[in-house]
């Protein structure tokens, strides 16, 4: 019985530690070409597990803007995004439901001097511009 209680407490502590990892922050991708073309993506992951995504693309002649908002949660080290129907309006048109991503950062076990920037890597999304997009954490 004592061993079972000990096992339960250890498991509880490990789960508690795993849930406290903070992924909130602003993640960005910005690129400006020699021709003046601009691609600017930004997502703000808030501590209350809400997010706002903004996209700005200028191709030299036309500007394209799109935005999205909703909630995010962590399941098995994967961030899962959801957009409720109430979150979609004229300003926020992107539906992130079903979108998944991972935060990639240097492992605490890696003691080398190698610099690994923290990034948010999208894997699955029905939004074409989001799938496989990698954004850097803005420090």
C-alpha atoms as a PDB file:
ATOM      1  CA  UNK A   1       0.000   0.000   0.000  1.00  0.00           C
ATOM      2  CA  UNK A   2       2.853   2.384   0.815  1.00  0.00           C
ATOM      3  CA  UNK A   3       4.476   1.640  -2.531  1.00  0.00           C
ATOM      4  CA  UNK A   4       1.235   2.389  -4.349  1.00  0.00           C
ATOM      5  CA  UNK A   5       0.854   5.688  -2.487  1.00  0.00           C
ATOM      6  CA  UNK A   6       4.474   6.611  -3.257  1.00  0.00           C
ATOM      7  CA  UNK A   7       3.973   5.806  -6.932  1.00  0.00           C
ATOM      8  CA  UNK A   8       0.826   7.938  -7.020  1.00  0.00           C
ATOM      9  CA  UNK A   9       2.588  10.914  -5.401  1.00  0.00           C
ATOM     10  CA  UNK A  10       5.561  10.708  -7.774  1.00  0.00           C
ATOM     11  CA  UNK A  11       3.263  10.525 -10.779  1.00  0.00           C
ATOM     12  CA  UNK A  12       1.248  13.489  -9.487  1.00  0.00           C
ATOM     13  CA  UNK A  13       4.417  15.584  -9.012  1.00  0.00           C
ATOM     14  CA  UNK A  14       5.702  14.771 -12.511  1.00  0.00           C
ATOM     15  CA  UNK A  15       2.342  15.734 -14.033  1.00  0.00           C
ATOM     16  CA  UNK A  16       2.266  18.927 -11.999  1.00  0.00           C
ATOM     17  CA  UNK A  17       5.731  19.912 -13.231  1.00  0.00           C
ATOM     18  CA  UNK A  18       4.846  19.114 -16.843  1.00  0.00           C
ATOM     19  CA  UNK A  19       1.764  21.354 -16.729  1.00  0.00           C
ATOM     20  CA  UNK A  20       3.636  24.389 -15.402  1.00  0.00           C
ATOM     21  CA  UNK A  21       5.764  24.921 -18.509  1.00  0.00           C
ATOM     22  CA  UNK A  22       4.995  28.370 -19.890  1.00  0.00           C
ATOM     23  CA  UNK A  23       4.482  28.686 -23.653  1.00  0.00           C
ATOM     24  CA  UNK A  24       2.952  32.162 -23.558  1.00  0.00           C
ATOM     25  CA  UNK A  25       4.610  34.988 -25.461  1.00  0.00           C
ATOM     26  CA  UNK A  26       4.776  36.619 -28.872  1.00  0.00           C
ATOM     27  CA  UNK A  27       6.058  34.507 -31.764  1.00  0.00           C
ATOM     28  CA  UNK A  28       6.933  36.230 -35.042  1.00  0.00           C
ATOM     29  CA  UNK A  29       8.031  35.625 -38.625  1.00  0.00           C
ATOM     30  CA  UNK A  30       9.112  38.645 -40.653  1.00  0.00           C
ATOM     31  CA  UNK A  31      10.741  38.738 -44.072  1.00  0.00           C
ATOM     32  CA  UNK A  32      11.309  41.678 -46.398  1.00  0.00           C
ATOM     33  CA  UNK A  33      12.730  41.009 -49.858  1.00  0.00           C
ATOM     34  CA  UNK A  34      15.011  43.242 -51.917  1.00  0.00           C
ATOM     35  CA  UNK A  35      11.993  44.121 -54.077  1.00  0.00           C
ATOM     36  CA  UNK A  36      10.149  45.399 -51.000  1.00  0.00           C
ATOM     37  CA  UNK A  37       7.805  42.437 -50.630  1.00  0.00           C
ATOM     38  CA  UNK A  38       6.859  41.837 -46.994  1.00  0.00           C
ATOM     39  CA  UNK A  39       5.620  38.776 -45.132  1.00  0.00           C
ATOM     40  CA  UNK A  40       4.779  39.378 -41.474  1.00  0.00           C
ATOM     41  CA  UNK A  41       3.112  36.773 -39.232  1.00  0.00           C
ATOM     42  CA  UNK A  42       2.611  37.168 -35.493  1.00  0.00           C
ATOM     43  CA  UNK A  43       0.830  35.122 -32.846  1.00  0.00           C
ATOM     44  CA  UNK A  44       0.403  36.205 -29.243  1.00  0.00           C
ATOM     45  CA  UNK A  45      -0.143  33.294 -26.842  1.00  0.00           C
ATOM     46  CA  UNK A  46      -1.579  34.772 -23.663  1.00  0.00           C
ATOM     47  CA  UNK A  47      -1.228  33.301 -20.180  1.00  0.00           C
ATOM     48  CA  UNK A  48      -5.024  32.883 -19.964  1.00  0.00           C
ATOM     49  CA  UNK A  49      -4.691  30.441 -22.907  1.00  0.00           C
ATOM     50  CA  UNK A  50      -6.182  32.771 -25.501  1.00  0.00           C
ATOM     51  CA  UNK A  51      -4.371  33.821 -28.669  1.00  0.00           C
ATOM     52  CA  UNK A  52      -4.447  36.440 -31.404  1.00  0.00           C
ATOM     53  CA  UNK A  53      -2.859  35.797 -34.812  1.00  0.00           C
ATOM     54  CA  UNK A  54      -2.127  38.533 -37.364  1.00  0.00           C
ATOM     55  CA  UNK A  55      -0.925  38.128 -40.918  1.00  0.00           C
ATOM     56  CA  UNK A  56       0.283  40.870 -43.264  1.00  0.00           C
ATOM     57  CA  UNK A  57       1.554  40.197 -46.783  1.00  0.00           C
ATOM     58  CA  UNK A  58       2.582  42.879 -49.280  1.00  0.00           C
ATOM     59  CA  UNK A  59       3.565  41.583 -52.712  1.00  0.00           C
ATOM     60  CA  UNK A  60       4.759  44.901 -54.136  1.00  0.00           C
ATOM     61  CA  UNK A  61       1.325  45.872 -55.421  1.00  0.00           C
ATOM     62  CA  UNK A  62      -1.326  44.578 -53.026  1.00  0.00           C
ATOM     63  CA  UNK A  63      -1.672  44.193 -49.266  1.00  0.00           C
ATOM     64  CA  UNK A  64      -3.333  41.170 -47.691  1.00  0.00           C
ATOM     65  CA  UNK A  65      -4.311  41.034 -44.042  1.00  0.00           C
ATOM     66  CA  UNK A  66      -5.924  38.212 -42.120  1.00  0.00           C
ATOM     67  CA  UNK A  67      -6.433  37.650 -38.416  1.00  0.00           C
ATOM     68  CA  UNK A  68      -7.589  34.924 -36.104  1.00  0.00           C
ATOM     69  CA  UNK A  69      -8.247  34.446 -32.423  1.00  0.00           C
ATOM     70  CA  UNK A  70      -9.351  31.750 -30.042  1.00  0.00           C
ATOM     71  CA  UNK A  71      -7.989  29.512 -27.309  1.00  0.00           C
ATOM     72  CA  UNK A  72      -5.055  27.124 -26.996  1.00  0.00           C
ATOM     73  CA  UNK A  73      -4.199  24.248 -24.688  1.00  0.00           C
ATOM     74  CA  UNK A  74      -1.312  21.847 -24.228  1.00  0.00           C
ATOM     75  CA  UNK A  75      -1.843  18.099 -24.673  1.00  0.00           C
ATOM     76  CA  UNK A  76       1.199  15.790 -24.652  1.00  0.00           C
ATOM     77  CA  UNK A  77       3.611  18.672 -25.446  1.00  0.00           C
ATOM     78  CA  UNK A  78       1.447  19.674 -28.423  1.00  0.00           C
ATOM     79  CA  UNK A  79      -0.400  22.977 -28.571  1.00  0.00           C
ATOM     80  CA  UNK A  80      -3.944  22.615 -29.858  1.00  0.00           C
ATOM     81  CA  UNK A  81      -5.813  25.654 -31.098  1.00  0.00           C
ATOM     82  CA  UNK A  82      -9.577  26.192 -31.169  1.00  0.00           C
ATOM     83  CA  UNK A  83     -11.677  28.998 -32.596  1.00  0.00           C
ATOM     84  CA  UNK A  84     -15.269  29.253 -31.443  1.00  0.00           C
ATOM     85  CA  UNK A  85     -17.924  30.527 -33.889  1.00  0.00           C
ATOM     86  CA  UNK A  86     -18.283  33.653 -31.704  1.00  0.00           C
ATOM     87  CA  UNK A  87     -14.586  34.448 -32.338  1.00  0.00           C
ATOM     88  CA  UNK A  88     -15.094  34.755 -36.108  1.00  0.00           C
ATOM     89  CA  UNK A  89     -16.191  38.128 -37.446  1.00  0.00           C
ATOM     90  CA  UNK A  90     -15.170  40.714 -40.090  1.00  0.00           C
ATOM     91  CA  UNK A  91     -11.820  41.367 -38.404  1.00  0.00           C
ATOM     92  CA  UNK A  92     -10.997  37.808 -37.271  1.00  0.00           C
ATOM     93  CA  UNK A  93     -11.715  35.523 -40.203  1.00  0.00           C
ATOM     94  CA  UNK A  94      -9.315  32.602 -39.688  1.00  0.00           C
ATOM     95  CA  UNK A  95     -10.607  29.426 -38.024  1.00  0.00           C
ATOM     96  CA  UNK A  96      -7.781  27.732 -36.100  1.00  0.00           C
ATOM     97  CA  UNK A  97      -9.857  24.744 -34.947  1.00  0.00           C
ATOM     98  CA  UNK A  98      -7.822  21.583 -35.506  1.00  0.00           C
ATOM     99  CA  UNK A  99      -4.515  23.464 -35.792  1.00  0.00           C
ATOM    100  CA  UNK A 100      -1.606  21.931 -33.868  1.00  0.00           C
ATOM    101  CA  UNK A 101       1.900  23.158 -33.110  1.00  0.00           C
ATOM    102  CA  UNK A 102       4.914  22.472 -30.905  1.00  0.00           C
ATOM    103  CA  UNK A 103       7.252  24.771 -29.066  1.00  0.00           C
ATOM    104  CA  UNK A 104      10.848  23.865 -29.873  1.00  0.00           C
ATOM    105  CA  UNK A 105      13.532  25.031 -27.479  1.00  0.00           C
ATOM    106  CA  UNK A 106      16.847  23.992 -26.019  1.00  0.00           C
ATOM    107  CA  UNK A 107      16.544  21.009 -23.725  1.00  0.00           C
ATOM    108  CA  UNK A 108      17.418  21.719 -20.084  1.00  0.00           C
ATOM    109  CA  UNK A 109      19.661  18.649 -20.276  1.00  0.00           C
ATOM    110  CA  UNK A 110      21.725  20.219 -23.078  1.00  0.00           C
ATOM    111  CA  UNK A 111      24.679  21.846 -21.312  1.00  0.00           C
ATOM    112  CA  UNK A 112      26.501  22.881 -24.500  1.00  0.00           C
ATOM    113  CA  UNK A 113      26.977  26.501 -25.578  1.00  0.00           C
ATOM    114  CA  UNK A 114      24.843  25.851 -28.653  1.00  0.00           C
ATOM    115  CA  UNK A 115      22.205  28.542 -29.107  1.00  0.00           C
ATOM    116  CA  UNK A 116      18.759  27.138 -29.888  1.00  0.00           C
ATOM    117  CA  UNK A 117      16.148  29.848 -30.420  1.00  0.00           C
ATOM    118  CA  UNK A 118      12.689  29.103 -29.051  1.00  0.00           C
ATOM    119  CA  UNK A 119      10.263  28.600 -31.929  1.00  0.00           C
ATOM    120  CA  UNK A 120       6.629  27.724 -32.461  1.00  0.00           C
ATOM    121  CA  UNK A 121       6.346  25.143 -35.269  1.00  0.00           C
ATOM    122  CA  UNK A 122       2.895  24.578 -36.747  1.00  0.00           C
ATOM    123  CA  UNK A 123       2.299  21.070 -38.055  1.00  0.00           C
ATOM    124  CA  UNK A 124      -1.333  20.597 -38.916  1.00  0.00           C
ATOM    125  CA  UNK A 125      -3.796  23.248 -40.012  1.00  0.00           C
ATOM    126  CA  UNK A 126      -6.552  23.752 -42.529  1.00  0.00           C
ATOM    127  CA  UNK A 127      -5.234  27.301 -42.972  1.00  0.00           C
ATOM    128  CA  UNK A 128      -2.813  27.110 -45.886  1.00  0.00           C
ATOM    129  CA  UNK A 129      -0.474  29.877 -44.686  1.00  0.00           C
ATOM    130  CA  UNK A 130      -0.180  28.322 -41.215  1.00  0.00           C
ATOM    131  CA  UNK A 131       0.730  24.729 -42.035  1.00  0.00           C
ATOM    132  CA  UNK A 132       4.485  24.143 -41.497  1.00  0.00           C
ATOM    133  CA  UNK A 133       5.004  27.787 -40.459  1.00  0.00           C
ATOM    134  CA  UNK A 134       7.816  28.373 -37.930  1.00  0.00           C
ATOM    135  CA  UNK A 135       7.716  31.491 -35.748  1.00  0.00           C
ATOM    136  CA  UNK A 136      10.472  32.761 -33.416  1.00  0.00           C
ATOM    137  CA  UNK A 137       9.772  33.752 -29.817  1.00  0.00           C
ATOM    138  CA  UNK A 138      10.205  37.504 -29.514  1.00  0.00           C
ATOM    139  CA  UNK A 139      12.326  38.170 -26.421  1.00  0.00           C
END
